[in-house]
Amino acid sequence: MNIIRDIQTLSEFKKNASKLVKQVQETKQSIVLTVNGQAVAVVQDAESYQNSLNDRELAESVDVLKERISKLRKGGERIPAEEVFSKISKKYGVKFD
């Protein structure tokens, strides 16, 4: 992060929004917006934001899987594969042959 370039006041952002948005798109570096010296918002390009969402979703899925594996190792309920595939088929309209 370049402190001079990537941290801007909200007032400065309002004055130069087009220029700063173009900068974010070109550099892929977020801009931190401040009010009274305090960070209040981040401007980020759409692709980077989508990547962040994807990473968060993956991390949440991994956490759920780790928890479920842990429960299974401690003797948790096991569901037959046929039942799992049947539920998936009904829920998502997927056919397993």
N, C-alpha and C. Protein backbone atom coordinates (compact mmCIF):
# COMPACT_ATOMS: atom_id res chain seq x y z
N MET A 1 0.85 -1.18 0.00
CA MET A 1 0.00 0.00 0.00
C MET A 1 0.89 1.24 0.00
N ASN A 2 0.54 2.19 -0.84
CA ASN A 2 1.23 3.47 -0.90
C ASN A 2 0.39 4.46 -0.09
N ILE A 3 0.86 4.84 1.09
CA ILE A 3 0.07 5.66 2.02
C ILE A 3 -0.39 6.96 1.37
N ILE A 4 0.46 7.61 0.63
CA ILE A 4 0.09 8.89 0.01
C ILE A 4 -0.97 8.69 -1.07
N ARG A 5 -0.84 7.63 -1.85
CA ARG A 5 -1.76 7.38 -2.95
C ARG A 5 -3.03 6.66 -2.50
N ASP A 6 -2.91 5.72 -1.56
CA ASP A 6 -4.00 4.80 -1.26
C ASP A 6 -4.82 5.15 -0.02
N ILE A 7 -4.48 6.24 0.67
CA ILE A 7 -5.30 6.72 1.77
C ILE A 7 -5.72 8.15 1.42
N GLN A 8 -7.03 8.34 1.31
CA GLN A 8 -7.57 9.63 0.89
C GLN A 8 -8.69 10.06 1.84
N THR A 9 -8.86 11.36 1.98
CA THR A 9 -10.00 11.83 2.74
C THR A 9 -11.26 11.66 1.90
N LEU A 10 -12.37 11.57 2.57
CA LEU A 10 -13.64 11.45 1.85
C LEU A 10 -13.87 12.68 0.99
N SER A 11 -13.50 13.85 1.49
CA SER A 11 -13.65 15.08 0.72
C SER A 11 -12.83 15.04 -0.56
N GLU A 12 -11.60 14.55 -0.46
CA GLU A 12 -10.74 14.43 -1.64
C GLU A 12 -11.33 13.42 -2.63
N PHE A 13 -11.89 12.34 -2.11
CA PHE A 13 -12.50 11.34 -2.97
C PHE A 13 -13.69 11.94 -3.72
N LYS A 14 -14.50 12.74 -3.03
CA LYS A 14 -15.65 13.38 -3.68
C LYS A 14 -15.20 14.29 -4.82
N LYS A 15 -14.11 15.01 -4.61
CA LYS A 15 -13.61 15.93 -5.63
C LYS A 15 -13.03 15.19 -6.85
N ASN A 16 -12.41 14.04 -6.60
CA ASN A 16 -11.68 13.33 -7.66
C ASN A 16 -12.14 11.89 -7.82
N ALA A 17 -13.42 11.64 -7.66
CA ALA A 17 -13.93 10.26 -7.67
C ALA A 17 -13.55 9.52 -8.95
N SER A 18 -13.78 10.13 -10.11
CA SER A 18 -13.48 9.44 -11.38
C SER A 18 -12.02 9.05 -11.47
N LYS A 19 -11.14 9.99 -11.13
CA LYS A 19 -9.70 9.74 -11.20
C LYS A 19 -9.30 8.63 -10.22
N LEU A 20 -9.83 8.67 -9.01
CA LEU A 20 -9.46 7.69 -8.01
C LEU A 20 -10.03 6.30 -8.32
N VAL A 21 -11.23 6.25 -8.86
CA VAL A 21 -11.80 4.96 -9.26
C VAL A 21 -10.96 4.36 -10.39
N LYS A 22 -10.55 5.17 -11.34
CA LYS A 22 -9.68 4.70 -12.42
C LYS A 22 -8.36 4.16 -11.86
N GLN A 23 -7.82 4.87 -10.87
CA GLN A 23 -6.59 4.42 -10.21
C GLN A 23 -6.77 3.04 -9.58
N VAL A 24 -7.89 2.85 -8.89
CA VAL A 24 -8.19 1.57 -8.25
C VAL A 24 -8.28 0.47 -9.31
N GLN A 25 -8.95 0.75 -10.41
CA GLN A 25 -9.10 -0.24 -11.47
C GLN A 25 -7.75 -0.61 -12.09
N GLU A 26 -6.90 0.38 -12.27
CA GLU A 26 -5.60 0.14 -12.92
C GLU A 26 -4.60 -0.54 -12.00
N THR A 27 -4.55 -0.10 -10.74
CA THR A 27 -3.53 -0.62 -9.82
C THR A 27 -3.99 -1.86 -9.06
N LYS A 28 -5.32 -2.09 -9.01
CA LYS A 28 -5.90 -3.18 -8.21
C LYS A 28 -5.61 -2.99 -6.72
N GLN A 29 -5.23 -1.78 -6.34
CA GLN A 29 -4.98 -1.44 -4.94
C GLN A 29 -6.18 -0.68 -4.40
N SER A 30 -6.66 -1.10 -3.26
CA SER A 30 -7.79 -0.43 -2.62
C SER A 30 -7.38 0.95 -2.13
N ILE A 31 -8.38 1.81 -1.98
CA ILE A 31 -8.16 3.13 -1.39
C ILE A 31 -8.94 3.18 -0.08
N VAL A 32 -8.27 3.59 0.97
CA VAL A 32 -8.91 3.77 2.27
C VAL A 32 -9.38 5.21 2.36
N LEU A 33 -10.66 5.40 2.66
CA LEU A 33 -11.21 6.74 2.81
C LEU A 33 -11.30 7.08 4.29
N THR A 34 -10.91 8.31 4.61
CA THR A 34 -10.91 8.74 6.00
C THR A 34 -11.83 9.94 6.21
N VAL A 35 -12.34 10.04 7.42
CA VAL A 35 -13.08 11.22 7.88
C VAL A 35 -12.49 11.58 9.23
N ASN A 36 -12.04 12.82 9.35
CA ASN A 36 -11.39 13.28 10.59
C ASN A 36 -10.25 12.36 11.01
N GLY A 37 -9.50 11.88 10.03
CA GLY A 37 -8.33 11.05 10.30
C GLY A 37 -8.62 9.60 10.62
N GLN A 38 -9.87 9.20 10.62
CA GLN A 38 -10.25 7.82 10.93
C GLN A 38 -10.70 7.10 9.65
N ALA A 39 -10.24 5.90 9.46
CA ALA A 39 -10.66 5.10 8.31
C ALA A 39 -12.15 4.79 8.44
N VAL A 40 -12.92 5.05 7.36
CA VAL A 40 -14.36 4.82 7.40
C VAL A 40 -14.86 3.92 6.28
N ALA A 41 -14.09 3.80 5.20
CA ALA A 41 -14.54 2.99 4.07
C ALA A 41 -13.35 2.61 3.21
N VAL A 42 -13.58 1.58 2.38
CA VAL A 42 -12.55 1.13 1.45
C VAL A 42 -13.18 1.06 0.07
N VAL A 43 -12.48 1.61 -0.92
CA VAL A 43 -12.92 1.52 -2.31
C VAL A 43 -12.03 0.46 -2.97
N GLN A 44 -12.69 -0.54 -3.57
CA GLN A 44 -11.98 -1.67 -4.12
C GLN A 44 -12.54 -1.99 -5.50
N ASP A 45 -11.69 -2.48 -6.41
CA ASP A 45 -12.20 -2.85 -7.73
C ASP A 45 -13.08 -4.09 -7.61
N ALA A 46 -14.01 -4.23 -8.54
CA ALA A 46 -15.01 -5.28 -8.47
C ALA A 46 -14.41 -6.68 -8.50
N GLU A 47 -13.40 -6.89 -9.31
CA GLU A 47 -12.78 -8.22 -9.41
C GLU A 47 -12.13 -8.63 -8.09
N SER A 48 -11.42 -7.71 -7.46
CA SER A 48 -10.80 -8.00 -6.17
C SER A 48 -11.85 -8.27 -5.10
N TYR A 49 -12.93 -7.50 -5.15
CA TYR A 49 -14.01 -7.71 -4.19
C TYR A 49 -14.63 -9.09 -4.39
N GLN A 50 -14.88 -9.48 -5.63
CA GLN A 50 -15.44 -10.81 -5.90
C GLN A 50 -14.50 -11.90 -5.42
N ASN A 51 -13.19 -11.71 -5.65
CA ASN A 51 -12.21 -12.68 -5.16
C ASN A 51 -12.26 -12.79 -3.64
N SER A 52 -12.43 -11.67 -2.96
CA SER A 52 -12.54 -11.68 -1.50
C SER A 52 -13.78 -12.46 -1.05
N LEU A 53 -14.89 -12.23 -1.75
CA LEU A 53 -16.12 -12.98 -1.43
C LEU A 53 -15.92 -14.48 -1.64
N ASN A 54 -15.28 -14.84 -2.75
CA ASN A 54 -15.03 -16.25 -3.05
C ASN A 54 -14.13 -16.87 -1.98
N ASP A 55 -13.08 -16.14 -1.59
CA ASP A 55 -12.16 -16.64 -0.56
C ASP A 55 -12.89 -16.85 0.76
N ARG A 56 -13.75 -15.90 1.13
CA ARG A 56 -14.50 -16.01 2.38
C ARG A 56 -15.45 -17.21 2.34
N GLU A 57 -16.13 -17.38 1.20
CA GLU A 57 -17.05 -18.51 1.07
C GLU A 57 -16.31 -19.83 1.17
N LEU A 58 -15.15 -19.93 0.53
CA LEU A 58 -14.35 -21.14 0.60
C LEU A 58 -13.90 -21.40 2.04
N ALA A 59 -13.43 -20.36 2.73
CA ALA A 59 -12.98 -20.51 4.11
C ALA A 59 -14.12 -20.98 5.01
N GLU A 60 -15.31 -20.43 4.80
CA GLU A 60 -16.47 -20.85 5.59
C GLU A 60 -16.82 -22.31 5.31
N SER A 61 -16.74 -22.73 4.05
CA SER A 61 -17.02 -24.12 3.69
C SER A 61 -16.00 -25.06 4.33
N VAL A 62 -14.75 -24.67 4.31
CA VAL A 62 -13.70 -25.48 4.92
C VAL A 62 -13.95 -25.61 6.43
N ASP A 63 -14.33 -24.52 7.07
CA ASP A 63 -14.62 -24.56 8.51
C ASP A 63 -15.77 -25.52 8.82
N VAL A 64 -16.82 -25.47 8.00
CA VAL A 64 -17.96 -26.37 8.20
C VAL A 64 -17.52 -27.82 8.03
N LEU A 65 -16.74 -28.09 6.98
CA LEU A 65 -16.27 -29.46 6.74
C LEU A 65 -15.38 -29.95 7.88
N LYS A 66 -14.50 -29.09 8.39
CA LYS A 66 -13.64 -29.48 9.51
C LYS A 66 -14.48 -29.84 10.74
N GLU A 67 -15.50 -29.03 10.99
CA GLU A 67 -16.38 -29.28 12.13
C GLU A 67 -17.11 -30.61 11.97
N ARG A 68 -17.63 -30.86 10.78
CA ARG A 68 -18.37 -32.10 10.54
C ARG A 68 -17.47 -33.32 10.61
N ILE A 69 -16.26 -33.21 10.10
CA ILE A 69 -15.30 -34.32 10.18
C ILE A 69 -14.97 -34.60 11.64
N SER A 70 -14.78 -33.55 12.42
CA SER A 70 -14.50 -33.70 13.84
C SER A 70 -15.64 -34.43 14.55
N LYS A 71 -16.87 -34.06 14.24
CA LYS A 71 -18.03 -34.73 14.85
C LYS A 71 -18.08 -36.20 14.47
N LEU A 72 -17.77 -36.50 13.20
CA LEU A 72 -17.77 -37.89 12.76
C LEU A 72 -16.71 -38.70 13.50
N ARG A 73 -15.55 -38.11 13.69
CA ARG A 73 -14.46 -38.81 14.39
C ARG A 73 -14.82 -39.07 15.85
N LYS A 74 -15.72 -38.26 16.39
CA LYS A 74 -16.15 -38.43 17.78
C LYS A 74 -17.40 -39.30 17.86
N GLY A 75 -17.73 -40.00 16.77
CA GLY A 75 -18.86 -40.91 16.79
C GLY A 75 -20.18 -40.31 16.36
N GLY A 76 -20.15 -39.20 15.67
CA GLY A 76 -21.37 -38.55 15.21
C GLY A 76 -22.14 -39.39 14.21
N GLU A 77 -23.35 -38.97 13.96
CA GLU A 77 -24.24 -39.71 13.05
C GLU A 77 -23.65 -39.79 11.64
N ARG A 78 -23.75 -40.97 11.08
CA ARG A 78 -23.31 -41.19 9.70
C ARG A 78 -24.55 -41.42 8.84
N ILE A 79 -24.54 -40.84 7.64
CA ILE A 79 -25.67 -40.98 6.72
C ILE A 79 -25.19 -41.77 5.51
N PRO A 80 -25.93 -42.80 5.11
CA PRO A 80 -25.53 -43.59 3.93
C PRO A 80 -25.44 -42.71 2.68
N ALA A 81 -24.49 -43.04 1.82
CA ALA A 81 -24.26 -42.26 0.59
C ALA A 81 -25.52 -42.17 -0.25
N GLU A 82 -26.28 -43.25 -0.33
CA GLU A 82 -27.50 -43.24 -1.14
C GLU A 82 -28.47 -42.15 -0.66
N GLU A 83 -28.56 -41.99 0.65
CA GLU A 83 -29.45 -40.98 1.22
C GLU A 83 -28.94 -39.57 0.90
N VAL A 84 -27.63 -39.39 0.97
CA VAL A 84 -27.03 -38.08 0.66
C VAL A 84 -27.30 -37.73 -0.79
N PHE A 85 -27.05 -38.68 -1.71
CA PHE A 85 -27.27 -38.43 -3.13
C PHE A 85 -28.74 -38.17 -3.43
N SER A 86 -29.61 -38.86 -2.74
CA SER A 86 -31.05 -38.65 -2.92
C SER A 86 -31.45 -37.23 -2.51
N LYS A 87 -30.91 -36.76 -1.39
CA LYS A 87 -31.22 -35.40 -0.92
C LYS A 87 -30.68 -34.35 -1.89
N ILE A 88 -29.47 -34.58 -2.37
CA ILE A 88 -28.87 -33.64 -3.33
C ILE A 88 -29.69 -33.62 -4.61
N SER A 89 -30.09 -34.79 -5.07
CA SER A 89 -30.88 -34.91 -6.29
C SER A 89 -32.19 -34.14 -6.17
N LYS A 90 -32.87 -34.30 -5.05
CA LYS A 90 -34.15 -33.60 -4.84
C LYS A 90 -33.95 -32.10 -4.72
N LYS A 91 -32.95 -31.70 -3.95
CA LYS A 91 -32.73 -30.28 -3.68
C LYS A 91 -32.28 -29.50 -4.92
N TYR A 92 -31.38 -30.09 -5.70
CA TYR A 92 -30.77 -29.37 -6.83
C TYR A 92 -31.19 -29.88 -8.20
N GLY A 93 -32.01 -30.91 -8.23
CA GLY A 93 -32.46 -31.45 -9.52
C GLY A 93 -31.35 -32.15 -10.28
N VAL A 94 -30.40 -32.69 -9.56
CA VAL A 94 -29.27 -33.40 -10.17
C VAL A 94 -29.57 -34.89 -10.16
N LYS A 95 -29.24 -35.56 -11.26
CA LYS A 95 -29.45 -37.00 -11.33
C LYS A 95 -28.10 -37.70 -11.29
N PHE A 96 -28.04 -38.74 -10.45
CA PHE A 96 -26.84 -39.56 -10.35
C PHE A 96 -27.16 -40.93 -10.93
N ASP A 97 -26.42 -41.31 -11.94
CA ASP A 97 -26.65 -42.62 -12.58
C ASP A 97 -25.54 -43.58 -12.27
